[in-house]
PDB file of N, CA and C in Angstrom:
ATOM      1  N   UNK A   1      13.990  17.298   2.370  1.00  0.00           N
ATOM      2  CA  UNK A   1      13.772  15.974   2.954  1.00  0.00           C
ATOM      3  C   UNK A   1      14.911  15.013   2.583  1.00  0.00           C
ATOM      4  N   UNK A   2      15.267  14.971   1.297  1.00  0.00           N
ATOM      5  CA  UNK A   2      16.283  14.009   0.859  1.00  0.00           C
ATOM      6  C   UNK A   2      17.644  14.647   0.598  1.00  0.00           C
ATOM      7  N   UNK A   3      17.729  15.953   0.562  1.00  0.00           N
ATOM      8  CA  UNK A   3      18.992  16.679   0.387  1.00  0.00           C
ATOM      9  C   UNK A   3      19.775  16.236  -0.848  1.00  0.00           C
ATOM     10  N   UNK A   4      19.106  16.168  -1.982  1.00  0.00           N
ATOM     11  CA  UNK A   4      19.790  15.916  -3.241  1.00  0.00           C
ATOM     12  C   UNK A   4      19.654  17.167  -4.087  1.00  0.00           C
ATOM     13  N   UNK A   5      20.641  17.414  -4.930  1.00  0.00           N
ATOM     14  CA  UNK A   5      20.640  18.615  -5.755  1.00  0.00           C
ATOM     15  C   UNK A   5      19.799  18.444  -7.010  1.00  0.00           C
ATOM     16  N   UNK A   6      19.732  17.235  -7.524  1.00  0.00           N
ATOM     17  CA  UNK A   6      18.971  16.957  -8.737  1.00  0.00           C
ATOM     18  C   UNK A   6      18.111  15.720  -8.502  1.00  0.00           C
ATOM     19  N   UNK A   7      16.951  15.725  -9.118  1.00  0.00           N
ATOM     20  CA  UNK A   7      16.016  14.613  -8.944  1.00  0.00           C
ATOM     21  C   UNK A   7      16.621  13.280  -9.377  1.00  0.00           C
ATOM     22  N   UNK A   8      17.441  13.305 -10.427  1.00  0.00           N
ATOM     23  CA  UNK A   8      18.042  12.057 -10.908  1.00  0.00           C
ATOM     24  C   UNK A   8      18.963  11.416  -9.872  1.00  0.00           C
ATOM     25  N   UNK A   9      19.419  12.166  -8.873  1.00  0.00           N
ATOM     26  CA  UNK A   9      20.236  11.605  -7.796  1.00  0.00           C
ATOM     27  C   UNK A   9      19.392  10.843  -6.781  1.00  0.00           C
ATOM     28  N   UNK A  10      18.114  11.137  -6.762  1.00  0.00           N
ATOM     29  CA  UNK A  10      17.233  10.537  -5.766  1.00  0.00           C
ATOM     30  C   UNK A  10      16.982   9.050  -6.025  1.00  0.00           C
ATOM     31  N   UNK A  11      16.782   8.673  -7.272  1.00  0.00           N
ATOM     32  CA  UNK A  11      16.409   7.288  -7.595  1.00  0.00           C
ATOM     33  C   UNK A  11      17.460   6.279  -7.127  1.00  0.00           C
ATOM     34  N   UNK A  12      18.745   6.446  -7.456  1.00  0.00           N
ATOM     35  CA  UNK A  12      19.725   5.472  -6.947  1.00  0.00           C
ATOM     36  C   UNK A  12      19.806   5.460  -5.424  1.00  0.00           C
ATOM     37  N   UNK A  13      19.675   6.631  -4.812  1.00  0.00           N
ATOM     38  CA  UNK A  13      19.746   6.692  -3.352  1.00  0.00           C
ATOM     39  C   UNK A  13      18.591   5.927  -2.712  1.00  0.00           C
ATOM     40  N   UNK A  14      17.409   6.058  -3.282  1.00  0.00           N
ATOM     41  CA  UNK A  14      16.248   5.318  -2.764  1.00  0.00           C
ATOM     42  C   UNK A  14      16.434   3.825  -3.010  1.00  0.00           C
ATOM     43  N   UNK A  15      16.865   3.463  -4.213  1.00  0.00           N
ATOM     44  CA  UNK A  15      17.061   2.047  -4.548  1.00  0.00           C
ATOM     45  C   UNK A  15      18.125   1.385  -3.676  1.00  0.00           C
ATOM     46  N   UNK A  16      19.131   2.147  -3.281  1.00  0.00           N
ATOM     47  CA  UNK A  16      20.186   1.608  -2.420  1.00  0.00           C
ATOM     48  C   UNK A  16      19.834   1.729  -0.941  1.00  0.00           C
ATOM     49  N   UNK A  17      18.628   2.160  -0.667  1.00  0.00           N
ATOM     50  CA  UNK A  17      18.106   2.288   0.701  1.00  0.00           C
ATOM     51  C   UNK A  17      18.995   3.174   1.569  1.00  0.00           C
ATOM     52  N   UNK A  18      19.419   4.298   0.998  1.00  0.00           N
ATOM     53  CA  UNK A  18      20.241   5.245   1.744  1.00  0.00           C
ATOM     54  C   UNK A  18      19.412   6.106   2.692  1.00  0.00           C
ATOM     55  N   UNK A  19      18.095   6.026   2.566  1.00  0.00           N
ATOM     56  CA  UNK A  19      17.203   6.794   3.423  1.00  0.00           C
ATOM     57  C   UNK A  19      16.400   5.840   4.292  1.00  0.00           C
ATOM     58  N   UNK A  20      16.091   6.252   5.496  1.00  0.00           N
ATOM     59  CA  UNK A  20      15.241   5.402   6.347  1.00  0.00           C
ATOM     60  C   UNK A  20      13.848   5.237   5.722  1.00  0.00           C
ATOM     61  N   UNK A  21      13.230   4.100   5.957  1.00  0.00           N
ATOM     62  CA  UNK A  21      11.902   3.859   5.394  1.00  0.00           C
ATOM     63  C   UNK A  21      10.893   4.878   5.894  1.00  0.00           C
ATOM     64  N   UNK A  22      11.117   5.448   7.072  1.00  0.00           N
ATOM     65  CA  UNK A  22      10.203   6.476   7.582  1.00  0.00           C
ATOM     66  C   UNK A  22      10.212   7.720   6.689  1.00  0.00           C
ATOM     67  N   UNK A  23      11.378   8.032   6.085  1.00  0.00           N
ATOM     68  CA  UNK A  23      11.433   9.161   5.149  1.00  0.00           C
ATOM     69  C   UNK A  23      10.597   8.881   3.913  1.00  0.00           C
ATOM     70  N   UNK A  24      10.721   7.663   3.397  1.00  0.00           N
ATOM     71  CA  UNK A  24       9.944   7.292   2.228  1.00  0.00           C
ATOM     72  C   UNK A  24       8.461   7.308   2.554  1.00  0.00           C
ATOM     73  N   UNK A  25       8.098   6.821   3.725  1.00  0.00           N
ATOM     74  CA  UNK A  25       6.692   6.810   4.132  1.00  0.00           C
ATOM     75  C   UNK A  25       6.145   8.229   4.238  1.00  0.00           C
ATOM     76  N   UNK A  26       6.928   9.140   4.780  1.00  0.00           N
ATOM     77  CA  UNK A  26       6.444  10.516   4.891  1.00  0.00           C
ATOM     78  C   UNK A  26       6.296  11.152   3.511  1.00  0.00           C
ATOM     79  N   UNK A  27       7.169  10.799   2.585  1.00  0.00           N
ATOM     80  CA  UNK A  27       7.043  11.306   1.216  1.00  0.00           C
ATOM     81  C   UNK A  27       5.805  10.728   0.550  1.00  0.00           C
ATOM     82  N   UNK A  28       5.492   9.478   0.835  1.00  0.00           N
ATOM     83  CA  UNK A  28       4.307   8.851   0.245  1.00  0.00           C
ATOM     84  C   UNK A  28       3.041   9.582   0.661  1.00  0.00           C
ATOM     85  N   UNK A  29       2.945   9.948   1.918  1.00  0.00           N
ATOM     86  CA  UNK A  29       1.737  10.654   2.358  1.00  0.00           C
ATOM     87  C   UNK A  29       1.624  12.012   1.665  1.00  0.00           C
ATOM     88  N   UNK A  30       2.753  12.655   1.411  1.00  0.00           N
ATOM     89  CA  UNK A  30       2.758  13.921   0.681  1.00  0.00           C
ATOM     90  C   UNK A  30       2.250  13.714  -0.747  1.00  0.00           C
ATOM     91  N   UNK A  31       2.716  12.661  -1.406  1.00  0.00           N
ATOM     92  CA  UNK A  31       2.293  12.376  -2.776  1.00  0.00           C
ATOM     93  C   UNK A  31       0.790  12.102  -2.814  1.00  0.00           C
ATOM     94  N   UNK A  32       0.295  11.315  -1.874  1.00  0.00           N
ATOM     95  CA  UNK A  32      -1.142  11.030  -1.843  1.00  0.00           C
ATOM     96  C   UNK A  32      -1.951  12.302  -1.625  1.00  0.00           C
ATOM     97  N   UNK A  33      -1.514  13.138  -0.700  1.00  0.00           N
ATOM     98  CA  UNK A  33      -2.241  14.384  -0.433  1.00  0.00           C
ATOM     99  C   UNK A  33      -2.283  15.250  -1.683  1.00  0.00           C
ATOM    100  N   UNK A  34      -1.144  15.388  -2.348  1.00  0.00           N
ATOM    101  CA  UNK A  34      -1.096  16.221  -3.548  1.00  0.00           C
ATOM    102  C   UNK A  34      -1.919  15.623  -4.690  1.00  0.00           C
ATOM    103  N   UNK A  35      -1.948  14.300  -4.781  1.00  0.00           N
ATOM    104  CA  UNK A  35      -2.761  13.647  -5.813  1.00  0.00           C
ATOM    105  C   UNK A  35      -4.235  13.992  -5.631  1.00  0.00           C
ATOM    106  N   UNK A  36      -4.691  13.926  -4.394  1.00  0.00           N
ATOM    107  CA  UNK A  36      -6.103  14.219  -4.137  1.00  0.00           C
ATOM    108  C   UNK A  36      -6.394  15.716  -4.153  1.00  0.00           C
ATOM    109  N   UNK A  37      -5.338  16.524  -4.156  1.00  0.00           N
ATOM    110  CA  UNK A  37      -5.517  17.971  -4.318  1.00  0.00           C
ATOM    111  C   UNK A  37      -5.419  18.384  -5.782  1.00  0.00           C
ATOM    112  N   UNK A  38      -5.244  17.413  -6.677  1.00  0.00           N
ATOM    113  CA  UNK A  38      -5.288  17.689  -8.107  1.00  0.00           C
ATOM    114  C   UNK A  38      -3.967  17.749  -8.840  1.00  0.00           C
ATOM    115  N   UNK A  39      -2.856  17.477  -8.179  1.00  0.00           N
ATOM    116  CA  UNK A  39      -1.566  17.499  -8.859  1.00  0.00           C
ATOM    117  C   UNK A  39      -1.474  16.328  -9.827  1.00  0.00           C
ATOM    118  N   UNK A  40      -1.247  16.629 -11.099  1.00  0.00           N
ATOM    119  CA  UNK A  40      -1.264  15.603 -12.142  1.00  0.00           C
ATOM    120  C   UNK A  40      -0.142  14.581 -11.979  1.00  0.00           C
ATOM    121  N   UNK A  41       1.057  15.016 -11.647  1.00  0.00           N
ATOM    122  CA  UNK A  41       2.182  14.089 -11.487  1.00  0.00           C
ATOM    123  C   UNK A  41       1.945  13.173 -10.293  1.00  0.00           C
ATOM    124  N   UNK A  42       1.517  13.737  -9.174  1.00  0.00           N
ATOM    125  CA  UNK A  42       1.226  12.925  -7.989  1.00  0.00           C
ATOM    126  C   UNK A  42       0.099  11.943  -8.276  1.00  0.00           C
ATOM    127  N   UNK A  43      -0.910  12.380  -9.011  1.00  0.00           N
ATOM    128  CA  UNK A  43      -2.028  11.495  -9.356  1.00  0.00           C
ATOM    129  C   UNK A  43      -1.544  10.322 -10.205  1.00  0.00           C
ATOM    130  N   UNK A  44      -0.642  10.595 -11.136  1.00  0.00           N
ATOM    131  CA  UNK A  44      -0.098   9.521 -11.974  1.00  0.00           C
ATOM    132  C   UNK A  44       0.702   8.530 -11.132  1.00  0.00           C
ATOM    133  N   UNK A  45       1.475   9.021 -10.174  1.00  0.00           N
ATOM    134  CA  UNK A  45       2.249   8.147  -9.287  1.00  0.00           C
ATOM    135  C   UNK A  45       1.313   7.238  -8.502  1.00  0.00           C
ATOM    136  N   UNK A  46       0.245   7.798  -7.947  1.00  0.00           N
ATOM    137  CA  UNK A  46      -0.710   7.016  -7.154  1.00  0.00           C
ATOM    138  C   UNK A  46      -1.429   6.001  -8.036  1.00  0.00           C
ATOM    139  N   UNK A  47      -1.847   6.403  -9.217  1.00  0.00           N
ATOM    140  CA  UNK A  47      -2.532   5.471 -10.118  1.00  0.00           C
ATOM    141  C   UNK A  47      -1.605   4.332 -10.546  1.00  0.00           C
ATOM    142  N   UNK A  48      -0.342   4.658 -10.815  1.00  0.00           N
ATOM    143  CA  UNK A  48       0.620   3.611 -11.172  1.00  0.00           C
ATOM    144  C   UNK A  48       0.860   2.656 -10.002  1.00  0.00           C
ATOM    145  N   UNK A  49       0.919   3.193  -8.796  1.00  0.00           N
ATOM    146  CA  UNK A  49       1.094   2.338  -7.616  1.00  0.00           C
ATOM    147  C   UNK A  49      -0.095   1.400  -7.457  1.00  0.00           C
ATOM    148  N   UNK A  50      -1.294   1.910  -7.673  1.00  0.00           N
ATOM    149  CA  UNK A  50      -2.492   1.071  -7.572  1.00  0.00           C
ATOM    150  C   UNK A  50      -2.480  -0.028  -8.633  1.00  0.00           C
ATOM    151  N   UNK A  51      -2.073   0.318  -9.844  1.00  0.00           N
ATOM    152  CA  UNK A  51      -1.988  -0.680 -10.917  1.00  0.00           C
ATOM    153  C   UNK A  51      -0.979  -1.773 -10.575  1.00  0.00           C
ATOM    154  N   UNK A  52       0.180  -1.366 -10.055  1.00  0.00           N
ATOM    155  CA  UNK A  52       1.219  -2.339  -9.711  1.00  0.00           C
ATOM    156  C   UNK A  52       0.777  -3.254  -8.563  1.00  0.00           C
ATOM    157  N   UNK A  53       0.145  -2.685  -7.560  1.00  0.00           N
ATOM    158  CA  UNK A  53      -0.365  -3.518  -6.459  1.00  0.00           C
ATOM    159  C   UNK A  53      -1.444  -4.473  -6.953  1.00  0.00           C
ATOM    160  N   UNK A  54      -2.306  -4.001  -7.827  1.00  0.00           N
ATOM    161  CA  UNK A  54      -3.344  -4.867  -8.397  1.00  0.00           C
ATOM    162  C   UNK A  54      -2.723  -6.003  -9.195  1.00  0.00           C
ATOM    163  N   UNK A  55      -1.669  -5.694  -9.949  1.00  0.00           N
ATOM    164  CA  UNK A  55      -0.985  -6.727 -10.730  1.00  0.00           C
ATOM    165  C   UNK A  55      -0.338  -7.766  -9.808  1.00  0.00           C
ATOM    166  N   UNK A  56       0.320  -7.305  -8.748  1.00  0.00           N
ATOM    167  CA  UNK A  56       0.940  -8.230  -7.799  1.00  0.00           C
ATOM    168  C   UNK A  56      -0.107  -9.117  -7.127  1.00  0.00           C
ATOM    169  N   UNK A  57      -1.201  -8.516  -6.718  1.00  0.00           N
ATOM    170  CA  UNK A  57      -2.261  -9.278  -6.060  1.00  0.00           C
ATOM    171  C   UNK A  57      -2.900 -10.275  -7.021  1.00  0.00           C
ATOM    172  N   UNK A  58      -3.179  -9.852  -8.244  1.00  0.00           N
ATOM    173  CA  UNK A  58      -3.758 -10.753  -9.245  1.00  0.00           C
ATOM    174  C   UNK A  58      -2.837 -11.928  -9.530  1.00  0.00           C
ATOM    175  N   UNK A  59      -1.541 -11.651  -9.635  1.00  0.00           N
ATOM    176  CA  UNK A  59      -0.571 -12.715  -9.891  1.00  0.00           C
ATOM    177  C   UNK A  59      -0.537 -13.704  -8.739  1.00  0.00           C
ATOM    178  N   UNK A  60      -0.538 -13.201  -7.513  1.00  0.00           N
ATOM    179  CA  UNK A  60      -0.509 -14.081  -6.344  1.00  0.00           C
ATOM    180  C   UNK A  60      -1.761 -14.957  -6.280  1.00  0.00           C
ATOM    181  N   UNK A  61      -2.893 -14.382  -6.605  1.00  0.00           N
ATOM    182  CA  UNK A  61      -4.150 -15.142  -6.585  1.00  0.00           C
ATOM    183  C   UNK A  61      -4.108 -16.245  -7.638  1.00  0.00           C
ATOM    184  N   UNK A  62      -3.610 -15.918  -8.841  1.00  0.00           N
ATOM    185  CA  UNK A  62      -3.504 -16.929  -9.898  1.00  0.00           C
ATOM    186  C   UNK A  62      -2.545 -18.053  -9.506  1.00  0.00           C
ATOM    187  N   UNK A  63      -1.372 -17.672  -8.994  1.00  0.00           N
ATOM    188  CA  UNK A  63      -0.367 -18.665  -8.623  1.00  0.00           C
ATOM    189  C   UNK A  63      -0.886 -19.580  -7.510  1.00  0.00           C
ATOM    190  N   UNK A  64      -1.592 -19.012  -6.569  1.00  0.00           N
ATOM    191  CA  UNK A  64      -2.080 -19.759  -5.406  1.00  0.00           C
ATOM    192  C   UNK A  64      -3.408 -20.456  -5.654  1.00  0.00           C
ATOM    193  N   UNK A  65      -4.019 -20.203  -6.802  1.00  0.00           N
ATOM    194  CA  UNK A  65      -5.330 -20.771  -7.133  1.00  0.00           C
ATOM    195  C   UNK A  65      -6.358 -20.431  -6.058  1.00  0.00           C
ATOM    196  N   UNK A  66      -6.343 -19.187  -5.620  1.00  0.00           N
ATOM    197  CA  UNK A  66      -7.266 -18.736  -4.583  1.00  0.00           C
ATOM    198  C   UNK A  66      -8.477 -18.061  -5.203  1.00  0.00           C
ATOM    199  N   UNK A  67      -9.580 -18.112  -4.480  1.00  0.00           N
ATOM    200  CA  UNK A  67     -10.772 -17.348  -4.834  1.00  0.00           C
ATOM    201  C   UNK A  67     -11.555 -17.107  -3.554  1.00  0.00           C
ATOM    202  N   UNK A  68     -12.344 -16.085  -3.552  1.00  0.00           N
ATOM    203  CA  UNK A  68     -13.145 -15.731  -2.379  1.00  0.00           C
ATOM    204  C   UNK A  68     -12.286 -15.711  -1.112  1.00  0.00           C
ATOM    205  N   UNK A  69     -11.174 -15.022  -1.169  1.00  0.00           N
ATOM    206  CA  UNK A  69     -10.259 -15.021  -0.029  1.00  0.00           C
ATOM    207  C   UNK A  69     -10.170 -13.636   0.615  1.00  0.00           C
ATOM    208  N   UNK A  70      -9.546 -13.607   1.762  1.00  0.00           N
ATOM    209  CA  UNK A  70      -9.317 -12.358   2.476  1.00  0.00           C
ATOM    210  C   UNK A  70      -7.974 -11.780   2.059  1.00  0.00           C
ATOM    211  N   UNK A  71      -7.935 -10.467   1.926  1.00  0.00           N
ATOM    212  CA  UNK A  71      -6.703  -9.742   1.677  1.00  0.00           C
ATOM    213  C   UNK A  71      -6.519  -8.797   2.856  1.00  0.00           C
ATOM    214  N   UNK A  72      -5.454  -8.998   3.604  1.00  0.00           N
ATOM    215  CA  UNK A  72      -5.204  -8.184   4.791  1.00  0.00           C
ATOM    216  C   UNK A  72      -4.314  -7.013   4.420  1.00  0.00           C
ATOM    217  N   UNK A  73      -4.790  -5.820   4.706  1.00  0.00           N
ATOM    218  CA  UNK A  73      -4.057  -4.600   4.382  1.00  0.00           C
ATOM    219  C   UNK A  73      -3.244  -4.153   5.581  1.00  0.00           C
ATOM    220  N   UNK A  74      -1.979  -3.845   5.335  1.00  0.00           N
ATOM    221  CA  UNK A  74      -1.070  -3.352   6.374  1.00  0.00           C
ATOM    222  C   UNK A  74      -0.316  -2.172   5.795  1.00  0.00           C
ATOM    223  N   UNK A  75       0.047  -1.237   6.618  1.00  0.00           N
ATOM    224  CA  UNK A  75       0.918  -0.155   6.184  1.00  0.00           C
ATOM    225  C   UNK A  75       0.307   1.207   6.375  1.00  0.00           C
ATOM    226  N   UNK A  76       1.182   2.182   6.380  1.00  0.00           N
ATOM    227  CA  UNK A  76       0.803   3.553   6.675  1.00  0.00           C
ATOM    228  C   UNK A  76      -0.235   4.130   5.741  1.00  0.00           C
ATOM    229  N   UNK A  77      -0.144   3.815   4.452  1.00  0.00           N
ATOM    230  CA  UNK A  77      -1.111   4.405   3.530  1.00  0.00           C
ATOM    231  C   UNK A  77      -2.527   3.936   3.844  1.00  0.00           C
ATOM    232  N   UNK A  78      -2.652   2.740   4.389  1.00  0.00           N
ATOM    233  CA  UNK A  78      -3.982   2.230   4.722  1.00  0.00           C
ATOM    234  C   UNK A  78      -4.471   2.765   6.065  1.00  0.00           C
ATOM    235  N   UNK A  79      -3.635   3.559   6.739  1.00  0.00           N
ATOM    236  CA  UNK A  79      -4.047   4.276   7.947  1.00  0.00           C
ATOM    237  C   UNK A  79      -4.520   5.684   7.600  1.00  0.00           C
ATOM    238  N   UNK A  80      -4.187   6.130   6.411  1.00  0.00           N
ATOM    239  CA  UNK A  80      -4.400   7.526   6.048  1.00  0.00           C
ATOM    240  C   UNK A  80      -5.839   7.800   5.620  1.00  0.00           C
ATOM    241  N   UNK A  81      -6.110   9.063   5.434  1.00  0.00           N
ATOM    242  CA  UNK A  81      -7.436   9.503   4.977  1.00  0.00           C
ATOM    243  C   UNK A  81      -7.690   9.070   3.534  1.00  0.00           C
ATOM    244  N   UNK A  82      -6.651   8.653   2.830  1.00  0.00           N
ATOM    245  CA  UNK A  82      -6.768   8.282   1.419  1.00  0.00           C
ATOM    246  C   UNK A  82      -6.894   6.774   1.211  1.00  0.00           C
ATOM    247  N   UNK A  83      -6.976   6.022   2.277  1.00  0.00           N
ATOM    248  CA  UNK A  83      -6.975   4.557   2.184  1.00  0.00           C
ATOM    249  C   UNK A  83      -8.127   4.028   1.342  1.00  0.00           C
ATOM    250  N   UNK A  84      -9.338   4.489   1.595  1.00  0.00           N
ATOM    251  CA  UNK A  84     -10.493   3.970   0.850  1.00  0.00           C
ATOM    252  C   UNK A  84     -10.402   4.294  -0.635  1.00  0.00           C
ATOM    253  N   UNK A  85      -9.991   5.511  -0.954  1.00  0.00           N
ATOM    254  CA  UNK A  85      -9.856   5.906  -2.355  1.00  0.00           C
ATOM    255  C   UNK A  85      -8.761   5.109  -3.053  1.00  0.00           C
ATOM    256  N   UNK A  86      -7.655   4.868  -2.343  1.00  0.00           N
ATOM    257  CA  UNK A  86      -6.565   4.091  -2.925  1.00  0.00           C
ATOM    258  C   UNK A  86      -7.001   2.647  -3.155  1.00  0.00           C
ATOM    259  N   UNK A  87      -7.726   2.095  -2.213  1.00  0.00           N
ATOM    260  CA  UNK A  87      -8.236   0.733  -2.370  1.00  0.00           C
ATOM    261  C   UNK A  87      -9.173   0.651  -3.572  1.00  0.00           C
ATOM    262  N   UNK A  88      -9.991   1.663  -3.776  1.00  0.00           N
ATOM    263  CA  UNK A  88     -10.874   1.677  -4.947  1.00  0.00           C
ATOM    264  C   UNK A  88     -10.070   1.687  -6.248  1.00  0.00           C
ATOM    265  N   UNK A  89      -8.976   2.434  -6.275  1.00  0.00           N
ATOM    266  CA  UNK A  89      -8.110   2.429  -7.455  1.00  0.00           C
ATOM    267  C   UNK A  89      -7.516   1.048  -7.700  1.00  0.00           C
ATOM    268  N   UNK A  90      -7.129   0.380  -6.629  1.00  0.00           N
ATOM    269  CA  UNK A  90      -6.599  -0.979  -6.762  1.00  0.00           C
ATOM    270  C   UNK A  90      -7.674  -1.894  -7.333  1.00  0.00           C
ATOM    271  N   UNK A  91      -8.884  -1.808  -6.783  1.00  0.00           N
ATOM    272  CA  UNK A  91      -9.982  -2.668  -7.234  1.00  0.00           C
ATOM    273  C   UNK A  91     -10.342  -2.430  -8.693  1.00  0.00           C
ATOM    274  N   UNK A  92     -10.203  -1.210  -9.164  1.00  0.00           N
ATOM    275  CA  UNK A  92     -10.480  -0.901 -10.568  1.00  0.00           C
ATOM    276  C   UNK A  92      -9.497  -1.593 -11.499  1.00  0.00           C
ATOM    277  N   UNK A  93      -8.340  -1.967 -10.977  1.00  0.00           N
ATOM    278  CA  UNK A  93      -7.283  -2.558 -11.792  1.00  0.00           C
ATOM    279  C   UNK A  93      -7.079  -4.043 -11.539  1.00  0.00           C
ATOM    280  N   UNK A  94      -7.946  -4.645 -10.753  1.00  0.00           N
ATOM    281  CA  UNK A  94      -7.764  -6.052 -10.414  1.00  0.00           C
ATOM    282  C   UNK A  94      -8.729  -6.905 -11.233  1.00  0.00           C
ATOM    283  N   UNK A  95      -8.306  -8.101 -11.551  1.00  0.00           N
ATOM    284  CA  UNK A  95      -9.087  -8.959 -12.426  1.00  0.00           C
ATOM    285  C   UNK A  95     -10.282  -9.609 -11.729  1.00  0.00           C
ATOM    286  N   UNK A  96     -10.167  -9.844 -10.444  1.00  0.00           N
ATOM    287  CA  UNK A  96     -11.250 -10.505  -9.737  1.00  0.00           C
ATOM    288  C   UNK A  96     -11.738  -9.631  -8.585  1.00  0.00           C
ATOM    289  N   UNK A  97     -13.016  -9.689  -8.323  1.00  0.00           N
ATOM    290  CA  UNK A  97     -13.569  -8.918  -7.214  1.00  0.00           C
ATOM    291  C   UNK A  97     -14.103  -9.838  -6.119  1.00  0.00           C
ATOM    292  N   UNK A  98     -13.722 -11.089  -6.137  1.00  0.00           N
ATOM    293  CA  UNK A  98     -14.152 -12.045  -5.113  1.00  0.00           C
ATOM    294  C   UNK A  98     -13.196 -12.026  -3.936  1.00  0.00           C
ATOM    295  N   UNK A  99     -12.889 -10.837  -3.477  1.00  0.00           N
ATOM    296  CA  UNK A  99     -11.928 -10.677  -2.394  1.00  0.00           C
ATOM    297  C   UNK A  99     -12.560  -9.887  -1.258  1.00  0.00           C
ATOM    298  N   UNK A 100     -12.164 -10.232  -0.054  1.00  0.00           N
ATOM    299  CA  UNK A 100     -12.622  -9.514   1.127  1.00  0.00           C
ATOM    300  C   UNK A 100     -11.419  -8.784   1.716  1.00  0.00           C
ATOM    301  N   UNK A 101     -11.396  -7.466   1.578  1.00  0.00           N
ATOM    302  CA  UNK A 101     -10.279  -6.673   2.083  1.00  0.00           C
ATOM    303  C   UNK A 101     -10.524  -6.322   3.540  1.00  0.00           C
ATOM    304  N   UNK A 102      -9.529  -6.599   4.373  1.00  0.00           N
ATOM    305  CA  UNK A 102      -9.602  -6.283   5.800  1.00  0.00           C
ATOM    306  C   UNK A 102      -8.402  -5.405   6.132  1.00  0.00           C
ATOM    307  N   UNK A 103      -8.682  -4.235   6.666  1.00  0.00           N
ATOM    308  CA  UNK A 103      -7.631  -3.276   6.971  1.00  0.00           C
ATOM    309  C   UNK A 103      -7.169  -3.450   8.411  1.00  0.00           C
ATOM    310  N   UNK A 104      -5.967  -3.982   8.574  1.00  0.00           N
ATOM    311  CA  UNK A 104      -5.382  -4.184   9.900  1.00  0.00           C
ATOM    312  C   UNK A 104      -4.352  -3.109  10.246  1.00  0.00           C
ATOM    313  N   UNK A 105      -4.225  -2.101   9.418  1.00  0.00           N
ATOM    314  CA  UNK A 105      -3.171  -1.110   9.600  1.00  0.00           C
ATOM    315  C   UNK A 105      -3.268  -0.327  10.896  1.00  0.00           C
ATOM    316  N   UNK A 106      -4.466  -0.202  11.422  1.00  0.00           N
ATOM    317  CA  UNK A 106      -4.607   0.579  12.653  1.00  0.00           C
ATOM    318  C   UNK A 106      -4.471  -0.277  13.902  1.00  0.00           C
ATOM    319  N   UNK A 107      -4.151  -1.530  13.730  1.00  0.00           N
ATOM    320  CA  UNK A 107      -4.017  -2.424  14.876  1.00  0.00           C
ATOM    321  C   UNK A 107      -2.563  -2.770  15.118  1.00  0.00           C
ATOM    322  N   UNK A 108      -2.246  -3.066  16.349  1.00  0.00           N
ATOM    323  CA  UNK A 108      -0.886  -3.435  16.722  1.00  0.00           C
ATOM    324  C   UNK A 108      -0.705  -4.928  16.432  1.00  0.00           C
ATOM    325  N   UNK A 109       0.324  -5.311  15.676  1.00  0.00           N
ATOM    326  CA  UNK A 109       0.522  -6.720  15.318  1.00  0.00           C
ATOM    327  C   UNK A 109       0.541  -7.666  16.518  1.00  0.00           C
ATOM    328  N   UNK A 110       1.125  -7.266  17.624  1.00  0.00           N
ATOM    329  CA  UNK A 110       1.174  -8.146  18.801  1.00  0.00           C
ATOM    330  C   UNK A 110      -0.234  -8.438  19.316  1.00  0.00           C
ATOM    331  N   UNK A 111      -1.104  -7.454  19.255  1.00  0.00           N
ATOM    332  CA  UNK A 111      -2.488  -7.652  19.690  1.00  0.00           C
ATOM    333  C   UNK A 111      -3.189  -8.648  18.791  1.00  0.00           C
ATOM    334  N   UNK A 112      -2.983  -8.536  17.497  1.00  0.00           N
ATOM    335  CA  UNK A 112      -3.595  -9.482  16.560  1.00  0.00           C
ATOM    336  C   UNK A 112      -3.097 -10.898  16.798  1.00  0.00           C
ATOM    337  N   UNK A 113      -1.821 -11.028  17.084  1.00  0.00           N
ATOM    338  CA  UNK A 113      -1.248 -12.342  17.344  1.00  0.00           C
ATOM    339  C   UNK A 113      -1.875 -12.960  18.593  1.00  0.00           C
ATOM    340  N   UNK A 114      -2.019 -12.159  19.631  1.00  0.00           N
ATOM    341  CA  UNK A 114      -2.637 -12.667  20.862  1.00  0.00           C
ATOM    342  C   UNK A 114      -4.091 -13.076  20.634  1.00  0.00           C
ATOM    343  N   UNK A 115      -4.813 -12.306  19.851  1.00  0.00           N
ATOM    344  CA  UNK A 115      -6.195 -12.671  19.530  1.00  0.00           C
ATOM    345  C   UNK A 115      -6.245 -13.974  18.743  1.00  0.00           C
ATOM    346  N   UNK A 116      -5.296 -14.148  17.827  1.00  0.00           N
ATOM    347  CA  UNK A 116      -5.232 -15.376  17.040  1.00  0.00           C
ATOM    348  C   UNK A 116      -4.989 -16.577  17.961  1.00  0.00           C
ATOM    349  N   UNK A 117      -4.028 -16.460  18.863  1.00  0.00           N
ATOM    350  CA  UNK A 117      -3.736 -17.547  19.803  1.00  0.00           C
ATOM    351  C   UNK A 117      -4.962 -17.849  20.665  1.00  0.00           C
ATOM    352  N   UNK A 118      -5.588 -16.819  21.152  1.00  0.00           N
ATOM    353  CA  UNK A 118      -6.768 -16.988  21.994  1.00  0.00           C
ATOM    354  C   UNK A 118      -7.886 -17.726  21.252  1.00  0.00           C
ATOM    355  N   UNK A 119      -8.116 -17.359  19.985  1.00  0.00           N
ATOM    356  CA  UNK A 119      -9.164 -18.008  19.200  1.00  0.00           C
ATOM    357  C   UNK A 119      -8.821 -19.457  18.880  1.00  0.00           C
ATOM    358  N   UNK A 120      -7.553 -19.786  18.779  1.00  0.00           N
ATOM    359  CA  UNK A 120      -7.158 -21.152  18.493  1.00  0.00           C
ATOM    360  C   UNK A 120      -7.329 -22.067  19.698  1.00  0.00           C
ATOM    361  N   UNK A 121      -7.313 -21.482  20.894  1.00  0.00           N
ATOM    362  CA  UNK A 121      -7.415 -22.315  22.073  1.00  0.00           C
ATOM    363  C   UNK A 121      -8.852 -22.575  22.485  1.00  0.00           C
ATOM    364  N   UNK A 122      -9.800 -21.891  21.891  1.00  0.00           N
ATOM    365  CA  UNK A 122     -11.224 -22.096  22.237  1.00  0.00           C
ATOM    366  C   UNK A 122     -11.926 -22.961  21.243  1.00  0.00           C
TER     367      UNK A 122
END
């Protein structure tokens, strides 16, 4: 997939965005699949990702002084069969549970925008 001879060559290449984001996305789905199939390294990667997302979300909520708010999910992982399990991992690592998660990943952004405009005019 990445055509590197050693794993240590992969990190700088990814950080410098030498690969299309679609390649990274396809690798992510592989990692999630392997994590749920019991691979310990893949499971650690997924758990760390959930912790980091929870930390980012918690920080944003604190900075914004928000509570009882909606969190809109976007992205390929939230389209996958592992979305619910990944969201549960995030929730296990988040400080507040007064959040309403809405998964918009399966919707086309232009459609959502049109619905928003339509609702504003009524």
